Amino acid sequence: MTIRSRFTDDGAVLQMAGSMAGRDFGDLHRELVDLLRSRRRRIVLDFEGVEHVSYRDAHELAREFELVRSYSGDLRVAGLSPYVRDILVFAGLSGFLDAHRPDSVATEGPGSARVPRAS
């Protein structure tokens, strides 16, 4: 999996692509910790390029919501395909996904683009 970051003044969009499994959730965790340490509290996980999420490891995403919340941050999810959304829901994450469902999220600054609607 690859993770690319786009930054705003107080936030970031993490564009992810490929398949997510155990090690990838560790990489995502490190990215989030770095963002929080740099005082970026509004974070969007853009799943548009994610083809598959390991069901066995998907529960790790709940830990990331809790981490960002512990820093008084806001973590949102965008660009979920129906397939990936189903995996996350079956893994018990529907409460996190529904509670963090933006109508749309826009970034600011140079090179910014509209983030896809949350599924």
PDB file of N, CA and C in Angstrom:
ATOM      1  N   MET A   1       0.838  -1.172   0.000  1.00  0.00           N
ATOM      2  CA  MET A   1       0.000   0.000   0.000  1.00  0.00           C
ATOM      3  C   MET A   1       0.884   1.238   0.000  1.00  0.00           C
ATOM      4  N   THR A   2       0.417   2.274  -0.633  1.00  0.00           N
ATOM      5  CA  THR A   2       1.118   3.554  -0.594  1.00  0.00           C
ATOM      6  C   THR A   2       0.232   4.589   0.097  1.00  0.00           C
ATOM      7  N   ILE A   3       0.895   5.531   0.761  1.00  0.00           N
ATOM      8  CA  ILE A   3       0.193   6.631   1.425  1.00  0.00           C
ATOM      9  C   ILE A   3       0.859   7.921   0.974  1.00  0.00           C
ATOM     10  N   ARG A   4       0.058   8.835   0.437  1.00  0.00           N
ATOM     11  CA  ARG A   4       0.546  10.163   0.056  1.00  0.00           C
ATOM     12  C   ARG A   4      -0.197  11.190   0.889  1.00  0.00           C
ATOM     13  N   SER A   5       0.518  12.202   1.355  1.00  0.00           N
ATOM     14  CA  SER A   5      -0.081  13.231   2.204  1.00  0.00           C
ATOM     15  C   SER A   5      -0.205  14.547   1.460  1.00  0.00           C
ATOM     16  N   ARG A   6      -1.350  15.212   1.639  1.00  0.00           N
ATOM     17  CA  ARG A   6      -1.552  16.593   1.202  1.00  0.00           C
ATOM     18  C   ARG A   6      -1.905  17.369   2.455  1.00  0.00           C
ATOM     19  N   PHE A   7      -1.244  18.501   2.653  1.00  0.00           N
ATOM     20  CA  PHE A   7      -1.377  19.241   3.900  1.00  0.00           C
ATOM     21  C   PHE A   7      -2.193  20.515   3.746  1.00  0.00           C
ATOM     22  N   THR A   8      -2.878  20.875   4.832  1.00  0.00           N
ATOM     23  CA  THR A   8      -3.530  22.161   4.984  1.00  0.00           C
ATOM     24  C   THR A   8      -2.908  22.792   6.229  1.00  0.00           C
ATOM     25  N   ASP A   9      -3.383  23.962   6.614  1.00  0.00           N
ATOM     26  CA  ASP A   9      -2.813  24.616   7.791  1.00  0.00           C
ATOM     27  C   ASP A   9      -2.910  23.757   9.037  1.00  0.00           C
ATOM     28  N   ASP A  10      -4.077  23.175   9.265  1.00  0.00           N
ATOM     29  CA  ASP A  10      -4.263  22.398  10.494  1.00  0.00           C
ATOM     30  C   ASP A  10      -4.665  20.956  10.228  1.00  0.00           C
ATOM     31  N   GLY A  11      -4.531  20.503   8.982  1.00  0.00           N
ATOM     32  CA  GLY A  11      -4.962  19.156   8.672  1.00  0.00           C
ATOM     33  C   GLY A  11      -4.217  18.543   7.510  1.00  0.00           C
ATOM     34  N   ALA A  12      -4.723  17.394   7.094  1.00  0.00           N
ATOM     35  CA  ALA A  12      -4.104  16.680   5.984  1.00  0.00           C
ATOM     36  C   ALA A  12      -5.092  15.689   5.400  1.00  0.00           C
ATOM     37  N   VAL A  13      -4.852  15.359   4.147  1.00  0.00           N
ATOM     38  CA  VAL A  13      -5.561  14.280   3.484  1.00  0.00           C
ATOM     39  C   VAL A  13      -4.527  13.208   3.197  1.00  0.00           C
ATOM     40  N   LEU A  14      -4.789  11.997   3.665  1.00  0.00           N
ATOM     41  CA  LEU A  14      -3.910  10.867   3.388  1.00  0.00           C
ATOM     42  C   LEU A  14      -4.554  10.043   2.284  1.00  0.00           C
ATOM     43  N   GLN A  15      -3.959  10.103   1.106  1.00  0.00           N
ATOM     44  CA  GLN A  15      -4.466   9.342  -0.030  1.00  0.00           C
ATOM     45  C   GLN A  15      -3.789   7.986  -0.018  1.00  0.00           C
ATOM     46  N   MET A  16      -4.598   6.946   0.087  1.00  0.00           N
ATOM     47  CA  MET A  16      -4.060   5.593   0.171  1.00  0.00           C
ATOM     48  C   MET A  16      -4.417   4.828  -1.092  1.00  0.00           C
ATOM     49  N   ALA A  17      -3.528   3.905  -1.483  1.00  0.00           N
ATOM     50  CA  ALA A  17      -3.766   3.106  -2.680  1.00  0.00           C
ATOM     51  C   ALA A  17      -3.204   1.704  -2.468  1.00  0.00           C
ATOM     52  N   GLY A  18      -3.887   0.736  -3.054  1.00  0.00           N
ATOM     53  CA  GLY A  18      -3.443  -0.649  -2.964  1.00  0.00           C
ATOM     54  C   GLY A  18      -4.291  -1.436  -1.990  1.00  0.00           C
ATOM     55  N   SER A  19      -3.694  -2.461  -1.421  1.00  0.00           N
ATOM     56  CA  SER A  19      -4.365  -3.313  -0.446  1.00  0.00           C
ATOM     57  C   SER A  19      -3.806  -3.043   0.934  1.00  0.00           C
ATOM     58  N   MET A  20      -4.680  -3.083   1.949  1.00  0.00           N
ATOM     59  CA  MET A  20      -4.267  -2.815   3.329  1.00  0.00           C
ATOM     60  C   MET A  20      -4.291  -4.099   4.142  1.00  0.00           C
ATOM     61  N   ALA A  21      -3.154  -4.381   4.783  1.00  0.00           N
ATOM     62  CA  ALA A  21      -3.054  -5.521   5.693  1.00  0.00           C
ATOM     63  C   ALA A  21      -2.313  -5.046   6.941  1.00  0.00           C
ATOM     64  N   GLY A  22      -1.935  -5.955   7.798  1.00  0.00           N
ATOM     65  CA  GLY A  22      -1.346  -5.633   9.097  1.00  0.00           C
ATOM     66  C   GLY A  22      -0.252  -4.585   9.079  1.00  0.00           C
ATOM     67  N   ARG A  23       0.780  -4.794   8.295  1.00  0.00           N
ATOM     68  CA  ARG A  23       1.907  -3.863   8.247  1.00  0.00           C
ATOM     69  C   ARG A  23       1.476  -2.477   7.771  1.00  0.00           C
ATOM     70  N   ASP A  24       0.528  -2.447   6.851  1.00  0.00           N
ATOM     71  CA  ASP A  24       0.043  -1.173   6.320  1.00  0.00           C
ATOM     72  C   ASP A  24      -0.658  -0.350   7.394  1.00  0.00           C
ATOM     73  N   PHE A  25      -1.355  -1.007   8.307  1.00  0.00           N
ATOM     74  CA  PHE A  25      -1.991  -0.278   9.399  1.00  0.00           C
ATOM     75  C   PHE A  25      -0.934   0.314  10.329  1.00  0.00           C
ATOM     76  N   GLY A  26       0.204  -0.371  10.463  1.00  0.00           N
ATOM     77  CA  GLY A  26       1.320   0.190  11.228  1.00  0.00           C
ATOM     78  C   GLY A  26       1.874   1.437  10.563  1.00  0.00           C
ATOM     79  N   ASP A  27       1.989   1.404   9.234  1.00  0.00           N
ATOM     80  CA  ASP A  27       2.457   2.574   8.481  1.00  0.00           C
ATOM     81  C   ASP A  27       1.467   3.734   8.628  1.00  0.00           C
ATOM     82  N   LEU A  28       0.183   3.425   8.543  1.00  0.00           N
ATOM     83  CA  LEU A  28      -0.847   4.456   8.708  1.00  0.00           C
ATOM     84  C   LEU A  28      -0.763   5.059  10.106  1.00  0.00           C
ATOM     85  N   HIS A  29      -0.566   4.229  11.106  1.00  0.00           N
ATOM     86  CA  HIS A  29      -0.452   4.712  12.488  1.00  0.00           C
ATOM     87  C   HIS A  29       0.716   5.709  12.616  1.00  0.00           C
ATOM     88  N   ARG A  30       1.849   5.368  12.062  1.00  0.00           N
ATOM     89  CA  ARG A  30       3.017   6.269  12.123  1.00  0.00           C
ATOM     90  C   ARG A  30       2.731   7.584  11.415  1.00  0.00           C
ATOM     91  N   GLU A  31       2.053   7.532  10.269  1.00  0.00           N
ATOM     92  CA  GLU A  31       1.695   8.763   9.548  1.00  0.00           C
ATOM     93  C   GLU A  31       0.791   9.641  10.414  1.00  0.00           C
ATOM     94  N   LEU A  32      -0.193   9.026  11.048  1.00  0.00           N
ATOM     95  CA  LEU A  32      -1.115   9.794  11.891  1.00  0.00           C
ATOM     96  C   LEU A  32      -0.408  10.399  13.091  1.00  0.00           C
ATOM     97  N   VAL A  33       0.473   9.645  13.721  1.00  0.00           N
ATOM     98  CA  VAL A  33       1.227  10.180  14.863  1.00  0.00           C
ATOM     99  C   VAL A  33       2.062  11.381  14.424  1.00  0.00           C
ATOM    100  N   ASP A  34       2.714  11.279  13.287  1.00  0.00           N
ATOM    101  CA  ASP A  34       3.506  12.410  12.781  1.00  0.00           C
ATOM    102  C   ASP A  34       2.629  13.635  12.533  1.00  0.00           C
ATOM    103  N   LEU A  35       1.449  13.430  11.958  1.00  0.00           N
ATOM    104  CA  LEU A  35       0.542  14.553  11.711  1.00  0.00           C
ATOM    105  C   LEU A  35       0.092  15.194  13.019  1.00  0.00           C
ATOM    106  N   LEU A  36      -0.256  14.382  13.971  1.00  0.00           N
ATOM    107  CA  LEU A  36      -0.713  14.910  15.263  1.00  0.00           C
ATOM    108  C   LEU A  36       0.404  15.651  15.982  1.00  0.00           C
ATOM    109  N   ARG A  37       1.607  15.150  15.884  1.00  0.00           N
ATOM    110  CA  ARG A  37       2.754  15.837  16.510  1.00  0.00           C
ATOM    111  C   ARG A  37       3.017  17.188  15.858  1.00  0.00           C
ATOM    112  N   SER A  38       2.686  17.307  14.580  1.00  0.00           N
ATOM    113  CA  SER A  38       2.871  18.585  13.885  1.00  0.00           C
ATOM    114  C   SER A  38       1.618  19.456  13.964  1.00  0.00           C
ATOM    115  N   ARG A  39       0.732  19.114  14.896  1.00  0.00           N
ATOM    116  CA  ARG A  39      -0.474  19.873  15.201  1.00  0.00           C
ATOM    117  C   ARG A  39      -1.499  19.908  14.065  1.00  0.00           C
ATOM    118  N   ARG A  40      -1.494  18.896  13.248  1.00  0.00           N
ATOM    119  CA  ARG A  40      -2.529  18.759  12.221  1.00  0.00           C
ATOM    120  C   ARG A  40      -3.602  17.852  12.803  1.00  0.00           C
ATOM    121  N   ARG A  41      -4.749  18.435  13.092  1.00  0.00           N
ATOM    122  CA  ARG A  41      -5.799  17.725  13.828  1.00  0.00           C
ATOM    123  C   ARG A  41      -6.988  17.313  12.957  1.00  0.00           C
ATOM    124  N   ARG A  42      -7.140  17.928  11.786  1.00  0.00           N
ATOM    125  CA  ARG A  42      -8.236  17.567  10.866  1.00  0.00           C
ATOM    126  C   ARG A  42      -7.653  16.672   9.777  1.00  0.00           C
ATOM    127  N   ILE A  43      -8.001  15.395   9.855  1.00  0.00           N
ATOM    128  CA  ILE A  43      -7.379  14.420   8.962  1.00  0.00           C
ATOM    129  C   ILE A  43      -8.461  13.637   8.221  1.00  0.00           C
ATOM    130  N   VAL A  44      -8.258  13.499   6.923  1.00  0.00           N
ATOM    131  CA  VAL A  44      -9.153  12.707   6.085  1.00  0.00           C
ATOM    132  C   VAL A  44      -8.356  11.534   5.531  1.00  0.00           C
ATOM    133  N   LEU A  45      -8.892  10.336   5.700  1.00  0.00           N
ATOM    134  CA  LEU A  45      -8.318   9.141   5.079  1.00  0.00           C
ATOM    135  C   LEU A  45      -9.074   8.910   3.779  1.00  0.00           C
ATOM    136  N   ASP A  46      -8.398   9.118   2.661  1.00  0.00           N
ATOM    137  CA  ASP A  46      -9.004   8.966   1.340  1.00  0.00           C
ATOM    138  C   ASP A  46      -8.747   7.532   0.856  1.00  0.00           C
ATOM    139  N   PHE A  47      -9.793   6.710   0.873  1.00  0.00           N
ATOM    140  CA  PHE A  47      -9.710   5.307   0.502  1.00  0.00           C
ATOM    141  C   PHE A  47      -9.985   5.064  -0.981  1.00  0.00           C
ATOM    142  N   GLU A  48     -10.084   6.117  -1.778  1.00  0.00           N
ATOM    143  CA  GLU A  48     -10.480   5.944  -3.176  1.00  0.00           C
ATOM    144  C   GLU A  48      -9.600   4.939  -3.918  1.00  0.00           C
ATOM    145  N   GLY A  49      -8.317   4.917  -3.638  1.00  0.00           N
ATOM    146  CA  GLY A  49      -7.407   4.008  -4.330  1.00  0.00           C
ATOM    147  C   GLY A  49      -7.195   2.673  -3.632  1.00  0.00           C
ATOM    148  N   VAL A  50      -7.922   2.429  -2.549  1.00  0.00           N
ATOM    149  CA  VAL A  50      -7.760   1.177  -1.806  1.00  0.00           C
ATOM    150  C   VAL A  50      -8.665   0.110  -2.415  1.00  0.00           C
ATOM    151  N   GLU A  51      -8.045  -0.981  -2.845  1.00  0.00           N
ATOM    152  CA  GLU A  51      -8.771  -2.057  -3.512  1.00  0.00           C
ATOM    153  C   GLU A  51      -9.280  -3.110  -2.537  1.00  0.00           C
ATOM    154  N   HIS A  52      -8.559  -3.307  -1.437  1.00  0.00           N
ATOM    155  CA  HIS A  52      -8.907  -4.368  -0.493  1.00  0.00           C
ATOM    156  C   HIS A  52      -8.352  -4.019   0.880  1.00  0.00           C
ATOM    157  N   VAL A  53      -9.094  -4.391   1.925  1.00  0.00           N
ATOM    158  CA  VAL A  53      -8.641  -4.258   3.307  1.00  0.00           C
ATOM    159  C   VAL A  53      -8.767  -5.631   3.945  1.00  0.00           C
ATOM    160  N   SER A  54      -7.708  -6.077   4.581  1.00  0.00           N
ATOM    161  CA  SER A  54      -7.733  -7.368   5.257  1.00  0.00           C
ATOM    162  C   SER A  54      -8.760  -7.335   6.381  1.00  0.00           C
ATOM    163  N   TYR A  55      -9.729  -8.219   6.303  1.00  0.00           N
ATOM    164  CA  TYR A  55     -10.764  -8.297   7.335  1.00  0.00           C
ATOM    165  C   TYR A  55     -10.142  -8.568   8.702  1.00  0.00           C
ATOM    166  N   ARG A  56      -9.113  -9.404   8.732  1.00  0.00           N
ATOM    167  CA  ARG A  56      -8.466  -9.777   9.994  1.00  0.00           C
ATOM    168  C   ARG A  56      -7.783  -8.595  10.666  1.00  0.00           C
ATOM    169  N   ASP A  57      -7.381  -7.595   9.887  1.00  0.00           N
ATOM    170  CA  ASP A  57      -6.642  -6.458  10.431  1.00  0.00           C
ATOM    171  C   ASP A  57      -7.460  -5.165  10.455  1.00  0.00           C
ATOM    172  N   ALA A  58      -8.642  -5.176   9.876  1.00  0.00           N
ATOM    173  CA  ALA A  58      -9.442  -3.952   9.734  1.00  0.00           C
ATOM    174  C   ALA A  58      -9.765  -3.301  11.071  1.00  0.00           C
ATOM    175  N   HIS A  59      -9.880  -4.092  12.137  1.00  0.00           N
ATOM    176  CA  HIS A  59     -10.198  -3.535  13.461  1.00  0.00           C
ATOM    177  C   HIS A  59      -9.153  -2.532  13.930  1.00  0.00           C
ATOM    178  N   GLU A  60      -7.951  -2.593  13.349  1.00  0.00           N
ATOM    179  CA  GLU A  60      -6.884  -1.653  13.708  1.00  0.00           C
ATOM    180  C   GLU A  60      -7.282  -0.211  13.406  1.00  0.00           C
ATOM    181  N   LEU A  61      -8.167  -0.029  12.455  1.00  0.00           N
ATOM    182  CA  LEU A  61      -8.605   1.321  12.100  1.00  0.00           C
ATOM    183  C   LEU A  61      -9.323   1.998  13.267  1.00  0.00           C
ATOM    184  N   ALA A  62     -10.031   1.227  14.074  1.00  0.00           N
ATOM    185  CA  ALA A  62     -10.713   1.794  15.250  1.00  0.00           C
ATOM    186  C   ALA A  62      -9.695   2.428  16.193  1.00  0.00           C
ATOM    187  N   ARG A  63      -8.549   1.820  16.323  1.00  0.00           N
ATOM    188  CA  ARG A  63      -7.474   2.363  17.166  1.00  0.00           C
ATOM    189  C   ARG A  63      -7.052   3.746  16.662  1.00  0.00           C
ATOM    190  N   GLU A  64      -7.048   3.929  15.364  1.00  0.00           N
ATOM    191  CA  GLU A  64      -6.629   5.214  14.796  1.00  0.00           C
ATOM    192  C   GLU A  64      -7.663   6.307  15.068  1.00  0.00           C
ATOM    193  N   PHE A  65      -8.938   5.963  15.007  1.00  0.00           N
ATOM    194  CA  PHE A  65      -9.980   6.937  15.366  1.00  0.00           C
ATOM    195  C   PHE A  65      -9.803   7.381  16.813  1.00  0.00           C
ATOM    196  N   GLU A  66      -9.552   6.423  17.697  1.00  0.00           N
ATOM    197  CA  GLU A  66      -9.364   6.733  19.115  1.00  0.00           C
ATOM    198  C   GLU A  66      -8.105   7.579  19.332  1.00  0.00           C
ATOM    199  N   LEU A  67      -7.040   7.266  18.620  1.00  0.00           N
ATOM    200  CA  LEU A  67      -5.796   8.034  18.729  1.00  0.00           C
ATOM    201  C   LEU A  67      -6.034   9.497  18.369  1.00  0.00           C
ATOM    202  N   VAL A  68      -6.631   9.737  17.220  1.00  0.00           N
ATOM    203  CA  VAL A  68      -6.859  11.106  16.759  1.00  0.00           C
ATOM    204  C   VAL A  68      -7.805  11.827  17.716  1.00  0.00           C
ATOM    205  N   ARG A  69      -8.819  11.149  18.172  1.00  0.00           N
ATOM    206  CA  ARG A  69      -9.751  11.745  19.132  1.00  0.00           C
ATOM    207  C   ARG A  69      -9.025  12.120  20.429  1.00  0.00           C
ATOM    208  N   SER A  70      -8.066  11.313  20.873  1.00  0.00           N
ATOM    209  CA  SER A  70      -7.336  11.601  22.113  1.00  0.00           C
ATOM    210  C   SER A  70      -6.505  12.879  22.008  1.00  0.00           C
ATOM    211  N   TYR A  71      -6.216  13.320  20.785  1.00  0.00           N
ATOM    212  CA  TYR A  71      -5.494  14.573  20.544  1.00  0.00           C
ATOM    213  C   TYR A  71      -6.466  15.697  20.196  1.00  0.00           C
ATOM    214  N   SER A  72      -7.740  15.509  20.486  1.00  0.00           N
ATOM    215  CA  SER A  72      -8.806  16.461  20.141  1.00  0.00           C
ATOM    216  C   SER A  72      -8.865  16.702  18.641  1.00  0.00           C
ATOM    217  N   GLY A  73      -8.589  15.657  17.890  1.00  0.00           N
ATOM    218  CA  GLY A  73      -8.614  15.763  16.444  1.00  0.00           C
ATOM    219  C   GLY A  73      -9.877  15.183  15.850  1.00  0.00           C
ATOM    220  N   ASP A  74      -9.986  15.302  14.542  1.00  0.00           N
ATOM    221  CA  ASP A  74     -11.136  14.828  13.799  1.00  0.00           C
ATOM    222  C   ASP A  74     -10.634  13.980  12.633  1.00  0.00           C
ATOM    223  N   LEU A  75     -10.929  12.699  12.673  1.00  0.00           N
ATOM    224  CA  LEU A  75     -10.526  11.775  11.614  1.00  0.00           C
ATOM    225  C   LEU A  75     -11.764  11.376  10.835  1.00  0.00           C
ATOM    226  N   ARG A  76     -11.716  11.584   9.517  1.00  0.00           N
ATOM    227  CA  ARG A  76     -12.835  11.246   8.646  1.00  0.00           C
ATOM    228  C   ARG A  76     -12.370  10.302   7.549  1.00  0.00           C
ATOM    229  N   VAL A  77     -13.331   9.599   6.988  1.00  0.00           N
ATOM    230  CA  VAL A  77     -13.057   8.645   5.920  1.00  0.00           C
ATOM    231  C   VAL A  77     -13.796   9.096   4.676  1.00  0.00           C
ATOM    232  N   ALA A  78     -13.149   9.014   3.528  1.00  0.00           N
ATOM    233  CA  ALA A  78     -13.766   9.384   2.254  1.00  0.00           C
ATOM    234  C   ALA A  78     -13.365   8.374   1.188  1.00  0.00           C
ATOM    235  N   GLY A  79     -14.147   8.313   0.135  1.00  0.00           N
ATOM    236  CA  GLY A  79     -13.786   7.527  -1.037  1.00  0.00           C
ATOM    237  C   GLY A  79     -13.874   6.026  -0.884  1.00  0.00           C
ATOM    238  N   LEU A  80     -14.673   5.537   0.064  1.00  0.00           N
ATOM    239  CA  LEU A  80     -14.797   4.092   0.242  1.00  0.00           C
ATOM    240  C   LEU A  80     -15.605   3.476  -0.895  1.00  0.00           C
ATOM    241  N   SER A  81     -15.071   2.436  -1.490  1.00  0.00           N
ATOM    242  CA  SER A  81     -15.874   1.669  -2.441  1.00  0.00           C
ATOM    243  C   SER A  81     -16.867   0.846  -1.631  1.00  0.00           C
ATOM    244  N   PRO A  82     -17.958   0.421  -2.239  1.00  0.00           N
ATOM    245  CA  PRO A  82     -18.909  -0.423  -1.505  1.00  0.00           C
ATOM    246  C   PRO A  82     -18.238  -1.690  -0.948  1.00  0.00           C
ATOM    247  N   TYR A  83     -17.313  -2.257  -1.704  1.00  0.00           N
ATOM    248  CA  TYR A  83     -16.611  -3.471  -1.269  1.00  0.00           C
ATOM    249  C   TYR A  83     -15.791  -3.220  -0.007  1.00  0.00           C
ATOM    250  N   VAL A  84     -14.975  -2.167  -0.007  1.00  0.00           N
ATOM    251  CA  VAL A  84     -14.134  -1.857   1.152  1.00  0.00           C
ATOM    252  C   VAL A  84     -15.007  -1.438   2.331  1.00  0.00           C
ATOM    253  N   ARG A  85     -16.042  -0.666   2.073  1.00  0.00           N
ATOM    254  CA  ARG A  85     -16.963  -0.276   3.157  1.00  0.00           C
ATOM    255  C   ARG A  85     -17.573  -1.515   3.817  1.00  0.00           C
ATOM    256  N   ASP A  86     -17.993  -2.482   3.021  1.00  0.00           N
ATOM    257  CA  ASP A  86     -18.569  -3.708   3.572  1.00  0.00           C
ATOM    258  C   ASP A  86     -17.566  -4.438   4.469  1.00  0.00           C
ATOM    259  N   ILE A  87     -16.318  -4.492   4.056  1.00  0.00           N
ATOM    260  CA  ILE A  87     -15.292  -5.145   4.878  1.00  0.00           C
ATOM    261  C   ILE A  87     -15.177  -4.431   6.219  1.00  0.00           C
ATOM    262  N   LEU A  88     -15.125  -3.110   6.190  1.00  0.00           N
ATOM    263  CA  LEU A  88     -14.985  -2.347   7.436  1.00  0.00           C
ATOM    264  C   LEU A  88     -16.225  -2.487   8.319  1.00  0.00           C
ATOM    265  N   VAL A  89     -17.392  -2.521   7.706  1.00  0.00           N
ATOM    266  CA  VAL A  89     -18.626  -2.704   8.475  1.00  0.00           C
ATOM    267  C   VAL A  89     -18.641  -4.090   9.108  1.00  0.00           C
ATOM    268  N   PHE A  90     -18.295  -5.119   8.354  1.00  0.00           N
ATOM    269  CA  PHE A  90     -18.277  -6.478   8.888  1.00  0.00           C
ATOM    270  C   PHE A  90     -17.233  -6.637   9.981  1.00  0.00           C
ATOM    271  N   ALA A  91     -16.204  -5.801   9.945  1.00  0.00           N
ATOM    272  CA  ALA A  91     -15.164  -5.838  10.980  1.00  0.00           C
ATOM    273  C   ALA A  91     -15.584  -5.062  12.223  1.00  0.00           C
ATOM    274  N   GLY A  92     -16.791  -4.491  12.207  1.00  0.00           N
ATOM    275  CA  GLY A  92     -17.320  -3.807  13.380  1.00  0.00           C
ATOM    276  C   GLY A  92     -17.049  -2.317  13.435  1.00  0.00           C
ATOM    277  N   LEU A  93     -16.747  -1.707  12.308  1.00  0.00           N
ATOM    278  CA  LEU A  93     -16.395  -0.287  12.290  1.00  0.00           C
ATOM    279  C   LEU A  93     -17.529   0.622  11.826  1.00  0.00           C
ATOM    280  N   SER A  94     -18.730   0.106  11.687  1.00  0.00           N
ATOM    281  CA  SER A  94     -19.815   0.940  11.158  1.00  0.00           C
ATOM    282  C   SER A  94     -20.071   2.166  12.026  1.00  0.00           C
ATOM    283  N   GLY A  95     -19.950   2.046  13.325  1.00  0.00           N
ATOM    284  CA  GLY A  95     -20.151   3.198  14.211  1.00  0.00           C
ATOM    285  C   GLY A  95     -19.156   4.305  13.934  1.00  0.00           C
ATOM    286  N   PHE A  96     -17.923   3.964  13.662  1.00  0.00           N
ATOM    287  CA  PHE A  96     -16.904   4.967  13.358  1.00  0.00           C
ATOM    288  C   PHE A  96     -17.163   5.582  11.991  1.00  0.00           C
ATOM    289  N   LEU A  97     -17.532   4.773  11.020  1.00  0.00           N
ATOM    290  CA  LEU A  97     -17.746   5.274   9.667  1.00  0.00           C
ATOM    291  C   LEU A  97     -18.967   6.175   9.601  1.00  0.00           C
ATOM    292  N   ASP A  98     -20.067   5.778  10.241  1.00  0.00           N
ATOM    293  CA  ASP A  98     -21.282   6.573  10.193  1.00  0.00           C
ATOM    294  C   ASP A  98     -21.153   7.857  11.005  1.00  0.00           C
ATOM    295  N   ALA A  99     -20.428   7.809  12.120  1.00  0.00           N
ATOM    296  CA  ALA A  99     -20.253   8.997  12.952  1.00  0.00           C
ATOM    297  C   ALA A  99     -19.323  10.011  12.298  1.00  0.00           C
ATOM    298  N   HIS A 100     -18.526   9.574  11.343  1.00  0.00           N
ATOM    299  CA  HIS A 100     -17.551  10.447  10.693  1.00  0.00           C
ATOM    300  C   HIS A 100     -17.800  10.493   9.194  1.00  0.00           C
ATOM    301  N   ARG A 101     -19.046  10.689   8.827  1.00  0.00           N
ATOM    302  CA  ARG A 101     -19.432  10.688   7.423  1.00  0.00           C
ATOM    303  C   ARG A 101     -19.693  12.115   6.959  1.00  0.00           C
ATOM    304  N   PRO A 102     -18.697  12.760   6.363  1.00  0.00           N
ATOM    305  CA  PRO A 102     -18.919  14.128   5.881  1.00  0.00           C
ATOM    306  C   PRO A 102     -19.714  14.123   4.586  1.00  0.00           C
ATOM    307  N   ASP A 103     -20.495  15.181   4.381  1.00  0.00           N
ATOM    308  CA  ASP A 103     -21.161  15.312   3.086  1.00  0.00           C
ATOM    309  C   ASP A 103     -20.111  15.470   1.998  1.00  0.00           C
ATOM    310  N   SER A 104     -19.112  16.275   2.297  1.00  0.00           N
ATOM    311  CA  SER A 104     -17.942  16.408   1.430  1.00  0.00           C
ATOM    312  C   SER A 104     -16.884  17.129   2.240  1.00  0.00           C
ATOM    313  N   VAL A 105     -15.657  16.900   1.882  1.00  0.00           N
ATOM    314  CA  VAL A 105     -14.547  17.519   2.585  1.00  0.00           C
ATOM    315  C   VAL A 105     -13.653  18.173   1.549  1.00  0.00           C
ATOM    316  N   ALA A 106     -13.328  19.433   1.774  1.00  0.00           N
ATOM    317  CA  ALA A 106     -12.443  20.142   0.849  1.00  0.00           C
ATOM    318  C   ALA A 106     -11.153  20.484   1.570  1.00  0.00           C
ATOM    319  N   THR A 107     -10.063  20.445   0.849  1.00  0.00           N
ATOM    320  CA  THR A 107      -8.792  20.855   1.402  1.00  0.00           C
ATOM    321  C   THR A 107      -8.492  22.256   0.920  1.00  0.00           C
ATOM    322  N   GLU A 108      -7.529  22.888   1.556  1.00  0.00           N
ATOM    323  CA  GLU A 108      -7.160  24.248   1.193  1.00  0.00           C
ATOM    324  C   GLU A 108      -5.682  24.291   0.851  1.00  0.00           C
ATOM    325  N   GLY A 109      -5.302  25.311   0.105  1.00  0.00           N
ATOM    326  CA  GLY A 109      -3.890  25.522  -0.163  1.00  0.00           C
ATOM    327  C   GLY A 109      -3.510  25.066  -1.554  1.00  0.00           C
ATOM    328  N   PRO A 110      -2.197  25.222  -1.858  1.00  0.00           N
ATOM    329  CA  PRO A 110      -1.711  24.895  -3.181  1.00  0.00           C
ATOM    330  C   PRO A 110      -1.914  23.421  -3.501  1.00  0.00           C
ATOM    331  N   GLY A 111      -2.320  23.150  -4.721  1.00  0.00           N
ATOM    332  CA  GLY A 111      -2.463  21.777  -5.162  1.00  0.00           C
ATOM    333  C   GLY A 111      -3.642  21.057  -4.534  1.00  0.00           C
ATOM    334  N   SER A 112      -4.544  21.817  -3.928  1.00  0.00           N
ATOM    335  CA  SER A 112      -5.659  21.172  -3.244  1.00  0.00           C
ATOM    336  C   SER A 112      -6.686  20.687  -4.268  1.00  0.00           C
ATOM    337  N   ALA A 113      -7.429  19.695  -3.850  1.00  0.00           N
ATOM    338  CA  ALA A 113      -8.484  19.137  -4.701  1.00  0.00           C
ATOM    339  C   ALA A 113      -9.616  18.683  -3.798  1.00  0.00           C
ATOM    340  N   ARG A 114     -10.729  18.483  -4.385  1.00  0.00           N
ATOM    341  CA  ARG A 114     -11.887  18.019  -3.634  1.00  0.00           C
ATOM    342  C   ARG A 114     -11.703  16.545  -3.313  1.00  0.00           C
ATOM    343  N   VAL A 115     -11.976  16.181  -2.072  1.00  0.00           N
ATOM    344  CA  VAL A 115     -11.880  14.800  -1.660  1.00  0.00           C
ATOM    345  C   VAL A 115     -13.212  14.125  -1.971  1.00  0.00           C
ATOM    346  N   PRO A 116     -13.192  12.880  -2.442  1.00  0.00           N
ATOM    347  CA  PRO A 116     -14.450  12.220  -2.786  1.00  0.00           C
ATOM    348  C   PRO A 116     -15.396  12.124  -1.608  1.00  0.00           C
ATOM    349  N   ARG A 117     -16.677  12.119  -1.920  1.00  0.00           N
ATOM    350  CA  ARG A 117     -17.712  11.945  -0.906  1.00  0.00           C
ATOM    351  C   ARG A 117     -17.532  10.641  -0.171  1.00  0.00           C
ATOM    352  N   ALA A 118     -17.792  10.647   1.118  1.00  0.00           N
ATOM    353  CA  ALA A 118     -17.736   9.419   1.907  1.00  0.00           C
ATOM    354  C   ALA A 118     -18.837   8.489   1.440  1.00  0.00           C
ATOM    355  N   SER A 119     -18.543   7.195   1.450  1.00  0.00           N
ATOM    356  CA  SER A 119     -19.546   6.210   1.027  1.00  0.00           C
ATOM    357  C   SER A 119     -20.320   5.705   2.204  1.00  0.00           C
TER     358      SER A 119
END
